[in-house]
Protein backbone atom coordinates (compact mmCIF):
# COMPACT_ATOMS: atom_id res chain seq x y z
CA MET A 1 0.00 0.00 0.00
CA SER A 2 1.35 3.38 -0.91
CA TYR A 3 1.47 6.33 1.43
CA ASP A 4 -1.71 8.16 0.50
CA PRO A 5 -2.97 10.51 3.23
CA PRO A 6 -6.60 11.54 2.82
CA ARG A 7 -7.17 14.71 0.83
CA PRO A 8 -8.73 17.70 2.57
CA ALA A 9 -12.50 17.72 2.26
CA GLY A 10 -14.81 20.69 2.06
CA ARG A 11 -17.33 19.24 4.50
CA LEU A 12 -17.34 17.18 7.66
CA LEU A 13 -17.60 13.43 7.20
CA LEU A 14 -19.93 11.67 9.61
CA THR A 15 -18.71 8.58 11.42
CA PRO A 16 -18.87 5.78 8.84
CA GLU A 17 -21.46 3.06 9.22
CA ASP A 18 -20.08 -0.11 10.81
CA LYS A 19 -21.88 -2.91 8.96
CA GLU A 20 -19.45 -5.54 10.24
CA ALA A 21 -20.05 -4.82 13.94
CA PRO A 22 -22.26 -7.88 14.64
CA ASP A 23 -19.84 -10.26 12.91
CA ARG A 24 -16.85 -8.65 14.64
CA THR A 25 -18.53 -8.90 18.03
CA ARG A 26 -19.15 -12.63 17.51
CA ARG A 27 -15.57 -13.18 16.30
CA LEU A 28 -14.08 -11.28 19.24
CA ARG A 29 -16.22 -13.32 21.63
CA LEU A 30 -14.88 -16.55 20.08
CA LEU A 31 -11.34 -15.28 20.63
CA GLY A 32 -12.13 -14.26 24.19
CA LEU A 33 -11.51 -10.59 23.41
CA GLY A 34 -13.27 -7.28 23.73
CA ALA A 35 -14.92 -7.70 27.13
CA GLN A 36 -12.13 -6.55 29.44
CA PRO A 37 -8.69 -4.92 29.43
CA GLU A 38 -5.86 -7.29 28.49
CA PRO A 39 -2.53 -6.79 30.32
CA THR A 40 -0.60 -8.15 27.34
CA LEU A 41 -2.37 -5.69 25.04
CA ASP A 42 -1.57 -2.90 27.49
CA ALA A 43 2.07 -4.00 27.15
CA PHE A 44 1.68 -3.91 23.37
CA ALA A 45 0.25 -0.39 23.58
CA TYR A 46 3.10 0.72 25.86
CA ALA A 47 5.63 -0.60 23.36
CA LEU A 48 3.77 1.05 20.47
CA ALA A 49 3.90 4.37 22.30
CA ASP A 50 7.61 3.85 22.83
CA LEU A 51 8.11 2.94 19.17
CA THR A 52 6.27 5.99 17.86
CA GLY A 53 7.16 8.45 20.60
CA ALA A 54 3.45 9.22 20.95
CA PRO A 55 1.71 9.87 24.29
CA TYR A 56 -1.23 7.64 23.36
CA ALA A 57 -1.33 4.15 21.88
CA MET A 58 -4.30 1.82 21.66
CA VAL A 59 -5.51 -1.61 20.66
CA ASN A 60 -9.12 -0.79 19.86
CA LEU A 61 -11.65 -3.63 19.64
CA PRO A 62 -14.92 -1.82 18.86
CA GLY A 63 -18.26 -3.42 19.58
CA GLU A 64 -21.74 -2.72 18.28
CA THR A 65 -22.33 0.37 20.40
CA GLY A 66 -18.92 1.92 20.96
CA GLN A 67 -15.16 1.56 21.03
CA PHE A 68 -13.17 -0.39 23.62
CA HIS A 69 -9.42 -0.05 24.18
CA ALA A 70 -8.47 -3.55 25.29
CA GLY A 71 -4.88 -2.33 25.18
CA LEU A 72 -4.14 1.25 26.21
CA HIS A 73 -1.15 3.43 27.01
CA THR A 74 -1.65 6.98 28.27
CA PRO A 75 0.83 9.42 29.79
CA ALA A 76 0.81 9.96 33.56
CA VAL A 77 -0.43 13.52 33.11
CA ALA A 78 -2.79 14.86 30.45
CA PRO A 79 -0.58 16.35 27.71
CA PHE A 80 -3.26 18.83 26.64
CA VAL A 81 -4.97 21.56 28.66
CA ARG A 82 -8.35 22.76 27.41
CA GLY A 83 -9.48 26.36 27.31
CA ASP A 84 -11.12 26.03 30.72
CA GLY A 85 -7.81 24.99 32.29
CA THR A 86 -8.69 21.31 32.66
CA GLY A 87 -7.12 18.29 31.04
CA ALA A 88 -8.38 14.77 30.37
CA LEU A 89 -6.81 11.48 29.36
CA LEU A 90 -8.23 9.02 26.86
CA GLY A 91 -9.93 6.13 28.65
CA ARG A 92 -10.87 2.55 27.86
CA ALA A 93 -14.18 3.40 26.20
CA LEU A 94 -15.17 5.96 23.58
CA PRO A 95 -18.40 6.58 21.67
CA ARG A 96 -18.32 5.56 18.01
CA ASP A 97 -18.17 9.18 16.84
CA HIS A 98 -14.96 9.89 18.77
CA GLY A 99 -11.59 9.43 17.11
CA PHE A 100 -10.39 8.05 13.83
CA CYS A 101 -10.35 4.28 14.38
CA PRO A 102 -13.93 3.90 13.06
CA HIS A 103 -12.64 5.25 9.73
CA VAL A 104 -9.83 2.68 9.71
CA VAL A 105 -12.33 -0.10 10.39
CA ALA A 106 -14.67 1.07 7.61
CA ARG A 107 -11.82 1.65 5.12
CA ARG A 108 -10.11 -1.65 6.02
CA LYS A 109 -6.77 0.07 5.52
CA ALA A 110 -4.32 2.23 7.39
CA LEU A 111 -4.92 5.92 8.00
CA VAL A 112 -2.19 8.52 8.45
CA LEU A 113 -3.11 11.99 9.71
CA GLU A 114 0.02 14.05 10.21
CA ASP A 115 -1.95 17.16 11.20
CA VAL A 116 -5.65 16.63 11.81
CA SER A 117 -6.33 20.35 11.38
CA ASP A 118 -5.44 20.04 7.68
CA TYR A 119 -8.54 17.90 7.09
CA PRO A 120 -11.92 19.49 7.85
CA ARG A 121 -13.66 16.11 7.90
CA PHE A 122 -11.41 15.07 10.79
CA ALA A 123 -10.60 18.41 12.44
CA GLY A 124 -14.09 18.63 13.94
CA ASN A 125 -13.86 15.27 15.67
CA PRO A 126 -14.61 15.41 19.42
CA VAL A 127 -11.16 14.03 20.38
CA VAL A 128 -9.54 17.18 18.98
CA ASP A 129 -11.27 19.48 21.49
CA GLU A 130 -11.58 17.01 24.36
CA PHE A 131 -8.08 15.50 24.30
CA GLY A 132 -6.11 17.79 22.00
CA ILE A 133 -5.38 15.09 19.41
CA ARG A 134 -3.53 16.60 16.45
CA SER A 135 -2.06 13.55 14.70
CA TYR A 136 -3.03 9.91 14.26
CA LEU A 137 -1.49 6.73 12.88
CA GLY A 138 -3.65 3.60 12.73
CA ALA A 139 -3.99 0.26 10.95
CA PRO A 140 -6.70 -2.42 10.92
CA LEU A 141 -6.43 -5.82 12.57
CA ILE A 142 -7.75 -8.09 9.80
CA ASP A 143 -7.78 -11.76 10.79
CA SER A 144 -7.64 -14.91 8.67
CA THR A 145 -11.43 -14.90 8.24
CA GLY A 146 -11.32 -11.42 6.72
CA THR A 147 -12.92 -9.87 9.80
CA VAL A 148 -11.66 -6.49 10.96
CA LEU A 149 -11.21 -7.18 14.68
CA GLY A 150 -10.26 -3.58 15.40
CA THR A 151 -7.25 -1.32 15.11
CA VAL A 152 -3.85 -0.53 16.50
CA SER A 153 -3.08 3.16 16.64
CA ALA A 154 -0.96 5.94 18.07
CA ALA A 155 -2.02 9.54 18.59
CA ASP A 156 -0.23 12.73 19.56
CA VAL A 157 -1.20 16.21 20.69
CA ARG A 158 1.16 17.77 18.17
CA PRO A 159 1.53 17.35 14.41
CA ARG A 160 3.80 14.46 13.44
CA ALA A 161 5.63 13.67 10.22
CA TRP A 162 4.78 9.95 10.33
CA GLY A 163 5.65 9.47 6.65
CA GLN A 164 6.22 6.17 4.87
CA ARG A 165 8.22 4.81 7.76
CA GLY A 166 5.43 5.35 10.25
CA LEU A 167 2.89 3.83 7.88
CA ALA A 168 5.05 0.75 7.34
CA ALA A 169 5.65 0.38 11.08
CA ILE A 170 1.98 0.53 12.10
CA LYS A 171 0.95 -1.88 9.34
CA ALA A 172 3.68 -4.35 10.30
CA GLN A 173 2.74 -4.27 13.96
CA ALA A 174 -0.95 -4.73 13.17
CA ALA A 175 -0.14 -7.74 10.98
CA ASP A 176 2.03 -9.24 13.73
CA LEU A 177 -0.52 -8.66 16.47
CA VAL A 178 -3.49 -10.13 14.60
CA VAL A 179 -1.58 -13.40 14.17
CA ARG A 180 -0.80 -13.43 17.89
CA LEU A 181 -4.42 -12.75 18.75
CA GLU A 182 -5.59 -15.70 16.69
CA LEU A 183 -2.95 -17.97 18.21
CA ARG A 184 -3.28 -16.69 21.75
CA GLY A 185 -3.15 -19.18 24.56
CA ASP A 186 -4.31 -18.90 28.13
CA ASP A 187 -1.77 -16.15 28.82
CA GLY A 188 -2.68 -14.06 25.77
CA PRO A 189 -0.25 -12.89 23.09
CA PRO A 190 3.38 -12.49 24.08
CA PRO A 191 4.74 -8.98 24.62
CA TRP A 192 5.24 -6.99 21.49
CA GLU A 193 8.64 -7.24 19.89
CA ARG A 194 10.03 -3.74 19.56
CA ALA A 195 11.16 -2.36 16.22
CA ALA A 196 13.05 0.68 15.08
CA ARG A 197 11.30 3.97 15.90
CA PRO A 198 9.92 5.83 12.88
CA ASP A 199 11.00 9.41 12.36
CA GLY A 200 8.74 12.16 13.56
């Protein structure tokens, strides 16, 4: 897949319809995923944050009514302060209209947003105002049945030049993780094997 960031749009794009949600929910249930946080997926998210140098990293396994971060890394302190002087950290659950992972799931391919404010269809997303998200790097977890189980992603509160290297890294880690999820044993997938950090 070539590096092809989405072109700026003249209007906001509503959260895409998730027609695969029922099938994904059944598949996740068969794999024993999506109902609770997974320590090994938290470790994966921590390593992904380390790899990308981003304050947030997630393994998102969305259900029929919302998103669930079965693996999550957040900084100790909110990296963004809102206009009212408060800050908030991303949590385990998000509504479907928050963030960019629903677009990755619907597209079934990676999404690179180096500066969210460059794209009106994404700049108005609630995570921009609520959490200060300015850049995003995500790839789908597509299993051997062709089901999109969810996404792996990193997000930052500043613009990032993810580039081809970031795209290749997130796609490679998604491909690796989905195999581990399908082969997981009682202890879950082994910790993520670290790779070279992409520029940015």
